[in-house]
Amino acid sequence: MVWFAYLCYIGGGYCVGRCVYCRKILLIRPKIMLCDDGNYRESRWFAAWTKVRQMEDYYLPRMIQQITGQVCVASCPF
């Protein structure tokens, strides 16, 4: 059996994107700027990432911990 390793950036969600490699979450990227024009008012429900060049650990939900074998993931705006 041959396994291929893919680095995937899964954007979307409302305020985050995820970088996944071999079923492991490498990082979570929060939005720095929110859309507030036209029909969109994201700041009504969400807050933008305000910590410049800082990383934080994000503790994953138990269901995701069981799937990936990870407890926490770095969250950074880069």
PDB file of N, CA and C in Angstrom:
ATOM      1  N   MET A   1       0.851  -1.184   0.000  1.00  0.00           N
ATOM      2  CA  MET A   1       0.000   0.000   0.000  1.00  0.00           C
ATOM      3  C   MET A   1       0.895   1.246   0.000  1.00  0.00           C
ATOM      4  N   VAL A   2       0.566   2.205  -0.810  1.00  0.00           N
ATOM      5  CA  VAL A   2       1.339   3.444  -0.931  1.00  0.00           C
ATOM      6  C   VAL A   2       0.561   4.580  -0.276  1.00  0.00           C
ATOM      7  N   TRP A   3       1.232   5.327   0.559  1.00  0.00           N
ATOM      8  CA  TRP A   3       0.622   6.489   1.214  1.00  0.00           C
ATOM      9  C   TRP A   3       1.250   7.747   0.645  1.00  0.00           C
ATOM     10  N   PHE A   4       0.422   8.701   0.346  1.00  0.00           N
ATOM     11  CA  PHE A   4       0.904   9.987  -0.147  1.00  0.00           C
ATOM     12  C   PHE A   4       0.690  11.026   0.937  1.00  0.00           C
ATOM     13  N   ALA A   5       1.648  11.893   1.085  1.00  0.00           N
ATOM     14  CA  ALA A   5       1.547  12.968   2.074  1.00  0.00           C
ATOM     15  C   ALA A   5       1.188  14.251   1.341  1.00  0.00           C
ATOM     16  N   TYR A   6       0.117  14.880   1.749  1.00  0.00           N
ATOM     17  CA  TYR A   6      -0.331  16.119   1.133  1.00  0.00           C
ATOM     18  C   TYR A   6      -0.397  17.219   2.177  1.00  0.00           C
ATOM     19  N   LEU A   7       0.061  18.379   1.815  1.00  0.00           N
ATOM     20  CA  LEU A   7      -0.096  19.558   2.652  1.00  0.00           C
ATOM     21  C   LEU A   7      -1.305  20.305   2.108  1.00  0.00           C
ATOM     22  N   CYS A   8      -2.321  20.464   2.927  1.00  0.00           N
ATOM     23  CA  CYS A   8      -3.560  21.108   2.490  1.00  0.00           C
ATOM     24  C   CYS A   8      -3.857  22.308   3.367  1.00  0.00           C
ATOM     25  N   TYR A   9      -4.251  23.382   2.730  1.00  0.00           N
ATOM     26  CA  TYR A   9      -4.765  24.530   3.472  1.00  0.00           C
ATOM     27  C   TYR A   9      -6.267  24.533   3.279  1.00  0.00           C
ATOM     28  N   ILE A  10      -6.992  24.337   4.366  1.00  0.00           N
ATOM     29  CA  ILE A  10      -8.446  24.285   4.300  1.00  0.00           C
ATOM     30  C   ILE A  10      -8.962  25.625   4.801  1.00  0.00           C
ATOM     31  N   GLY A  11      -9.262  26.498   3.888  1.00  0.00           N
ATOM     32  CA  GLY A  11      -9.787  27.805   4.254  1.00  0.00           C
ATOM     33  C   GLY A  11     -11.268  27.702   4.510  1.00  0.00           C
ATOM     34  N   GLY A  12     -11.828  28.795   4.855  1.00  0.00           N
ATOM     35  CA  GLY A  12     -13.268  28.760   5.057  1.00  0.00           C
ATOM     36  C   GLY A  12     -13.611  28.790   6.523  1.00  0.00           C
ATOM     37  N   GLY A  13     -14.742  28.242   6.832  1.00  0.00           N
ATOM     38  CA  GLY A  13     -15.231  28.491   8.162  1.00  0.00           C
ATOM     39  C   GLY A  13     -15.529  29.977   8.204  1.00  0.00           C
ATOM     40  N   TYR A  14     -15.731  30.496   9.317  1.00  0.00           N
ATOM     41  CA  TYR A  14     -16.008  31.921   9.375  1.00  0.00           C
ATOM     42  C   TYR A  14     -14.767  32.730   9.664  1.00  0.00           C
ATOM     43  N   CYS A  15     -13.995  32.341  10.653  1.00  0.00           N
ATOM     44  CA  CYS A  15     -12.865  33.188  11.033  1.00  0.00           C
ATOM     45  C   CYS A  15     -11.523  32.478  11.025  1.00  0.00           C
ATOM     46  N   VAL A  16     -11.450  31.252  10.556  1.00  0.00           N
ATOM     47  CA  VAL A  16     -10.176  30.541  10.594  1.00  0.00           C
ATOM     48  C   VAL A  16      -9.954  29.731   9.327  1.00  0.00           C
ATOM     49  N   GLY A  17      -8.701  29.405   9.103  1.00  0.00           N
ATOM     50  CA  GLY A  17      -8.308  28.444   8.086  1.00  0.00           C
ATOM     51  C   GLY A  17      -7.425  27.424   8.780  1.00  0.00           C
ATOM     52  N   ARG A  18      -7.304  26.227   8.205  1.00  0.00           N
ATOM     53  CA  ARG A  18      -6.510  25.197   8.830  1.00  0.00           C
ATOM     54  C   ARG A  18      -5.491  24.664   7.845  1.00  0.00           C
ATOM     55  N   CYS A  19      -4.308  24.358   8.348  1.00  0.00           N
ATOM     56  CA  CYS A  19      -3.261  23.760   7.536  1.00  0.00           C
ATOM     57  C   CYS A  19      -3.092  22.320   8.014  1.00  0.00           C
ATOM     58  N   VAL A  20      -3.340  21.343   7.110  1.00  0.00           N
ATOM     59  CA  VAL A  20      -3.366  19.929   7.483  1.00  0.00           C
ATOM     60  C   VAL A  20      -2.323  19.172   6.678  1.00  0.00           C
ATOM     61  N   TYR A  21      -1.599  18.260   7.346  1.00  0.00           N
ATOM     62  CA  TYR A  21      -0.597  17.428   6.694  1.00  0.00           C
ATOM     63  C   TYR A  21      -0.665  16.029   7.302  1.00  0.00           C
ATOM     64  N   CYS A  22      -0.913  15.040   6.497  1.00  0.00           N
ATOM     65  CA  CYS A  22      -0.976  13.635   6.946  1.00  0.00           C
ATOM     66  C   CYS A  22      -1.921  13.451   8.124  1.00  0.00           C
ATOM     67  N   ARG A  23      -3.126  13.987   8.020  1.00  0.00           N
ATOM     68  CA  ARG A  23      -4.161  13.879   9.055  1.00  0.00           C
ATOM     69  C   ARG A  23      -3.769  14.555  10.365  1.00  0.00           C
ATOM     70  N   LYS A  24      -2.792  15.446  10.346  1.00  0.00           N
ATOM     71  CA  LYS A  24      -2.401  16.220  11.518  1.00  0.00           C
ATOM     72  C   LYS A  24      -2.643  17.695  11.214  1.00  0.00           C
ATOM     73  N   ILE A  25      -3.181  18.409  12.172  1.00  0.00           N
ATOM     74  CA  ILE A  25      -3.406  19.842  12.005  1.00  0.00           C
ATOM     75  C   ILE A  25      -2.111  20.556  12.386  1.00  0.00           C
ATOM     76  N   LEU A  26      -1.508  21.251  11.431  1.00  0.00           N
ATOM     77  CA  LEU A  26      -0.244  21.937  11.701  1.00  0.00           C
ATOM     78  C   LEU A  26      -0.462  23.282  12.381  1.00  0.00           C
ATOM     79  N   LEU A  27      -1.435  24.033  11.890  1.00  0.00           N
ATOM     80  CA  LEU A  27      -1.725  25.326  12.503  1.00  0.00           C
ATOM     81  C   LEU A  27      -3.136  25.752  12.156  1.00  0.00           C
ATOM     82  N   ILE A  28      -3.636  26.655  12.952  1.00  0.00           N
ATOM     83  CA  ILE A  28      -4.927  27.282  12.708  1.00  0.00           C
ATOM     84  C   ILE A  28      -4.650  28.759  12.473  1.00  0.00           C
ATOM     85  N   ARG A  29      -5.135  29.271  11.359  1.00  0.00           N
ATOM     86  CA  ARG A  29      -4.873  30.663  11.000  1.00  0.00           C
ATOM     87  C   ARG A  29      -6.148  31.489  11.149  1.00  0.00           C
ATOM     88  N   PRO A  30      -6.183  32.363  12.159  1.00  0.00           N
ATOM     89  CA  PRO A  30      -7.359  33.229  12.336  1.00  0.00           C
ATOM     90  C   PRO A  30      -7.349  34.391  11.349  1.00  0.00           C
ATOM     91  N   LYS A  31      -8.524  34.951  11.099  1.00  0.00           N
ATOM     92  CA  LYS A  31      -8.625  36.117  10.220  1.00  0.00           C
ATOM     93  C   LYS A  31      -8.071  37.349  10.918  1.00  0.00           C
ATOM     94  N   ILE A  32      -7.367  38.154  10.168  1.00  0.00           N
ATOM     95  CA  ILE A  32      -6.825  39.409  10.691  1.00  0.00           C
ATOM     96  C   ILE A  32      -7.764  40.561  10.374  1.00  0.00           C
ATOM     97  N   MET A  33      -8.392  40.504   9.207  1.00  0.00           N
ATOM     98  CA  MET A  33      -9.342  41.542   8.803  1.00  0.00           C
ATOM     99  C   MET A  33     -10.693  40.896   8.519  1.00  0.00           C
ATOM    100  N   LEU A  34     -11.744  41.522   8.966  1.00  0.00           N
ATOM    101  CA  LEU A  34     -13.090  41.021   8.744  1.00  0.00           C
ATOM    102  C   LEU A  34     -13.781  41.829   7.649  1.00  0.00           C
ATOM    103  N   CYS A  35     -14.704  41.199   6.978  1.00  0.00           N
ATOM    104  CA  CYS A  35     -15.449  41.860   5.916  1.00  0.00           C
ATOM    105  C   CYS A  35     -16.609  42.651   6.530  1.00  0.00           C
ATOM    106  N   ASP A  36     -16.647  43.943   6.292  1.00  0.00           N
ATOM    107  CA  ASP A  36     -17.696  44.806   6.842  1.00  0.00           C
ATOM    108  C   ASP A  36     -18.241  45.774   5.805  1.00  0.00           C
ATOM    109  N   ASP A  37     -18.415  45.297   4.589  1.00  0.00           N
ATOM    110  CA  ASP A  37     -18.962  46.188   3.575  1.00  0.00           C
ATOM    111  C   ASP A  37     -20.093  45.489   2.823  1.00  0.00           C
ATOM    112  N   GLY A  38     -20.931  46.251   2.221  1.00  0.00           N
ATOM    113  CA  GLY A  38     -22.036  45.670   1.476  1.00  0.00           C
ATOM    114  C   GLY A  38     -22.992  44.914   2.394  1.00  0.00           C
ATOM    115  N   ASN A  39     -23.232  43.668   2.058  1.00  0.00           N
ATOM    116  CA  ASN A  39     -24.142  42.840   2.847  1.00  0.00           C
ATOM    117  C   ASN A  39     -23.453  42.130   4.005  1.00  0.00           C
ATOM    118  N   TYR A  40     -22.146  42.265   4.118  1.00  0.00           N
ATOM    119  CA  TYR A  40     -21.396  41.498   5.105  1.00  0.00           C
ATOM    120  C   TYR A  40     -21.090  42.329   6.339  1.00  0.00           C
ATOM    121  N   ARG A  41     -21.335  41.771   7.501  1.00  0.00           N
ATOM    122  CA  ARG A  41     -21.037  42.426   8.777  1.00  0.00           C
ATOM    123  C   ARG A  41     -20.457  41.394   9.743  1.00  0.00           C
ATOM    124  N   GLU A  42     -19.268  40.894   9.403  1.00  0.00           N
ATOM    125  CA  GLU A  42     -18.655  39.855  10.229  1.00  0.00           C
ATOM    126  C   GLU A  42     -18.332  40.331  11.636  1.00  0.00           C
ATOM    127  N   SER A  43     -17.991  41.594  11.787  1.00  0.00           N
ATOM    128  CA  SER A  43     -17.615  42.083  13.122  1.00  0.00           C
ATOM    129  C   SER A  43     -18.804  42.123  14.076  1.00  0.00           C
ATOM    130  N   ARG A  44     -19.999  41.939  13.553  1.00  0.00           N
ATOM    131  CA  ARG A  44     -21.171  41.862  14.422  1.00  0.00           C
ATOM    132  C   ARG A  44     -21.101  40.608  15.296  1.00  0.00           C
ATOM    133  N   TRP A  45     -20.527  39.513  14.752  1.00  0.00           N
ATOM    134  CA  TRP A  45     -20.507  38.240  15.472  1.00  0.00           C
ATOM    135  C   TRP A  45     -19.106  37.777  15.849  1.00  0.00           C
ATOM    136  N   PHE A  46     -18.083  38.270  15.171  1.00  0.00           N
ATOM    137  CA  PHE A  46     -16.725  37.774  15.378  1.00  0.00           C
ATOM    138  C   PHE A  46     -15.773  38.923  15.662  1.00  0.00           C
ATOM    139  N   ALA A  47     -14.620  38.579  16.222  1.00  0.00           N
ATOM    140  CA  ALA A  47     -13.564  39.557  16.456  1.00  0.00           C
ATOM    141  C   ALA A  47     -12.335  39.143  15.651  1.00  0.00           C
ATOM    142  N   ALA A  48     -11.656  40.106  15.071  1.00  0.00           N
ATOM    143  CA  ALA A  48     -10.445  39.822  14.303  1.00  0.00           C
ATOM    144  C   ALA A  48      -9.284  39.554  15.262  1.00  0.00           C
ATOM    145  N   TRP A  49      -8.286  38.834  14.772  1.00  0.00           N
ATOM    146  CA  TRP A  49      -7.081  38.552  15.551  1.00  0.00           C
ATOM    147  C   TRP A  49      -6.302  39.853  15.703  1.00  0.00           C
ATOM    148  N   THR A  50      -6.032  40.260  16.917  1.00  0.00           N
ATOM    149  CA  THR A  50      -5.385  41.552  17.159  1.00  0.00           C
ATOM    150  C   THR A  50      -3.946  41.444  17.643  1.00  0.00           C
ATOM    151  N   LYS A  51      -3.485  40.257  17.949  1.00  0.00           N
ATOM    152  CA  LYS A  51      -2.121  40.083  18.468  1.00  0.00           C
ATOM    153  C   LYS A  51      -1.157  39.949  17.295  1.00  0.00           C
ATOM    154  N   VAL A  52      -0.346  40.976  17.106  1.00  0.00           N
ATOM    155  CA  VAL A  52       0.558  41.022  15.968  1.00  0.00           C
ATOM    156  C   VAL A  52       1.745  40.091  16.211  1.00  0.00           C
ATOM    157  N   ARG A  53       1.973  39.183  15.267  1.00  0.00           N
ATOM    158  CA  ARG A  53       3.106  38.253  15.285  1.00  0.00           C
ATOM    159  C   ARG A  53       3.221  37.462  16.584  1.00  0.00           C
ATOM    160  N   GLN A  54       2.104  37.058  17.137  1.00  0.00           N
ATOM    161  CA  GLN A  54       2.095  36.229  18.346  1.00  0.00           C
ATOM    162  C   GLN A  54       1.377  34.934  18.052  1.00  0.00           C
ATOM    163  N   MET A  55       1.866  33.868  18.668  1.00  0.00           N
ATOM    164  CA  MET A  55       1.233  32.566  18.524  1.00  0.00           C
ATOM    165  C   MET A  55       0.617  32.158  19.850  1.00  0.00           C
ATOM    166  N   GLU A  56      -0.446  31.383  19.785  1.00  0.00           N
ATOM    167  CA  GLU A  56      -1.083  30.829  20.970  1.00  0.00           C
ATOM    168  C   GLU A  56      -1.393  29.370  20.711  1.00  0.00           C
ATOM    169  N   ASP A  57      -1.459  28.592  21.771  1.00  0.00           N
ATOM    170  CA  ASP A  57      -1.873  27.199  21.644  1.00  0.00           C
ATOM    171  C   ASP A  57      -3.387  27.126  21.724  1.00  0.00           C
ATOM    172  N   TYR A  58      -3.967  26.370  20.819  1.00  0.00           N
ATOM    173  CA  TYR A  58      -5.411  26.153  20.807  1.00  0.00           C
ATOM    174  C   TYR A  58      -5.654  24.693  21.156  1.00  0.00           C
ATOM    175  N   TYR A  59      -6.379  24.446  22.219  1.00  0.00           N
ATOM    176  CA  TYR A  59      -6.671  23.085  22.634  1.00  0.00           C
ATOM    177  C   TYR A  59      -7.859  22.548  21.841  1.00  0.00           C
ATOM    178  N   LEU A  60      -7.641  21.440  21.190  1.00  0.00           N
ATOM    179  CA  LEU A  60      -8.634  20.852  20.304  1.00  0.00           C
ATOM    180  C   LEU A  60      -9.753  20.171  21.084  1.00  0.00           C
ATOM    181  N   PRO A  61     -10.948  20.115  20.513  1.00  0.00           N
ATOM    182  CA  PRO A  61     -12.037  19.357  21.132  1.00  0.00           C
ATOM    183  C   PRO A  61     -11.664  17.867  21.226  1.00  0.00           C
ATOM    184  N   ARG A  62     -12.223  17.157  22.188  1.00  0.00           N
ATOM    185  CA  ARG A  62     -11.868  15.751  22.422  1.00  0.00           C
ATOM    186  C   ARG A  62     -12.094  14.871  21.195  1.00  0.00           C
ATOM    187  N   MET A  63     -13.155  15.120  20.451  1.00  0.00           N
ATOM    188  CA  MET A  63     -13.421  14.319  19.262  1.00  0.00           C
ATOM    189  C   MET A  63     -12.279  14.449  18.250  1.00  0.00           C
ATOM    190  N   ILE A  64     -11.786  15.667  18.046  1.00  0.00           N
ATOM    191  CA  ILE A  64     -10.673  15.904  17.120  1.00  0.00           C
ATOM    192  C   ILE A  64      -9.380  15.334  17.699  1.00  0.00           C
ATOM    193  N   GLN A  65      -9.196  15.409  19.015  1.00  0.00           N
ATOM    194  CA  GLN A  65      -8.014  14.819  19.654  1.00  0.00           C
ATOM    195  C   GLN A  65      -7.937  13.327  19.387  1.00  0.00           C
ATOM    196  N   GLN A  66      -9.072  12.639  19.444  1.00  0.00           N
ATOM    197  CA  GLN A  66      -9.095  11.197  19.206  1.00  0.00           C
ATOM    198  C   GLN A  66      -8.762  10.859  17.755  1.00  0.00           C
ATOM    199  N   ILE A  67      -9.181  11.681  16.818  1.00  0.00           N
ATOM    200  CA  ILE A  67      -8.920  11.424  15.402  1.00  0.00           C
ATOM    201  C   ILE A  67      -7.461  11.697  15.045  1.00  0.00           C
ATOM    202  N   THR A  68      -6.936  12.843  15.507  1.00  0.00           N
ATOM    203  CA  THR A  68      -5.580  13.244  15.107  1.00  0.00           C
ATOM    204  C   THR A  68      -4.498  12.807  16.075  1.00  0.00           C
ATOM    205  N   GLY A  69      -4.866  12.500  17.313  1.00  0.00           N
ATOM    206  CA  GLY A  69      -3.850  12.164  18.317  1.00  0.00           C
ATOM    207  C   GLY A  69      -3.137  13.392  18.854  1.00  0.00           C
ATOM    208  N   GLN A  70      -3.682  14.564  18.610  1.00  0.00           N
ATOM    209  CA  GLN A  70      -3.077  15.814  19.073  1.00  0.00           C
ATOM    210  C   GLN A  70      -3.935  16.417  20.176  1.00  0.00           C
ATOM    211  N   VAL A  71      -3.295  17.127  21.094  1.00  0.00           N
ATOM    212  CA  VAL A  71      -4.019  17.801  22.163  1.00  0.00           C
ATOM    213  C   VAL A  71      -4.190  19.273  21.840  1.00  0.00           C
ATOM    214  N   CYS A  72      -3.119  19.911  21.351  1.00  0.00           N
ATOM    215  CA  CYS A  72      -3.226  21.341  21.010  1.00  0.00           C
ATOM    216  C   CYS A  72      -2.502  21.620  19.696  1.00  0.00           C
ATOM    217  N   VAL A  73      -2.839  22.773  19.117  1.00  0.00           N
ATOM    218  CA  VAL A  73      -2.287  23.204  17.830  1.00  0.00           C
ATOM    219  C   VAL A  73      -1.934  24.680  17.942  1.00  0.00           C
ATOM    220  N   ALA A  74      -0.903  25.097  17.239  1.00  0.00           N
ATOM    221  CA  ALA A  74      -0.532  26.510  17.232  1.00  0.00           C
ATOM    222  C   ALA A  74      -1.550  27.322  16.439  1.00  0.00           C
ATOM    223  N   SER A  75      -1.880  28.476  16.957  1.00  0.00           N
ATOM    224  CA  SER A  75      -2.759  29.414  16.279  1.00  0.00           C
ATOM    225  C   SER A  75      -1.940  30.663  16.005  1.00  0.00           C
ATOM    226  N   CYS A  76      -1.786  31.002  14.723  1.00  0.00           N
ATOM    227  CA  CYS A  76      -0.966  32.169  14.381  1.00  0.00           C
ATOM    228  C   CYS A  76      -1.502  32.843  13.128  1.00  0.00           C
ATOM    229  N   PRO A  77      -1.281  34.139  12.989  1.00  0.00           N
ATOM    230  CA  PRO A  77      -1.815  34.886  11.856  1.00  0.00           C
ATOM    231  C   PRO A  77      -0.918  34.926  10.624  1.00  0.00           C
ATOM    232  N   PHE A  78       0.136  34.155  10.545  1.00  0.00           N
ATOM    233  CA  PHE A  78       1.079  34.241   9.430  1.00  0.00           C
ATOM    234  C   PHE A  78       0.550  33.587   8.198  1.00  0.00           C
TER     235      PHE A  78
END
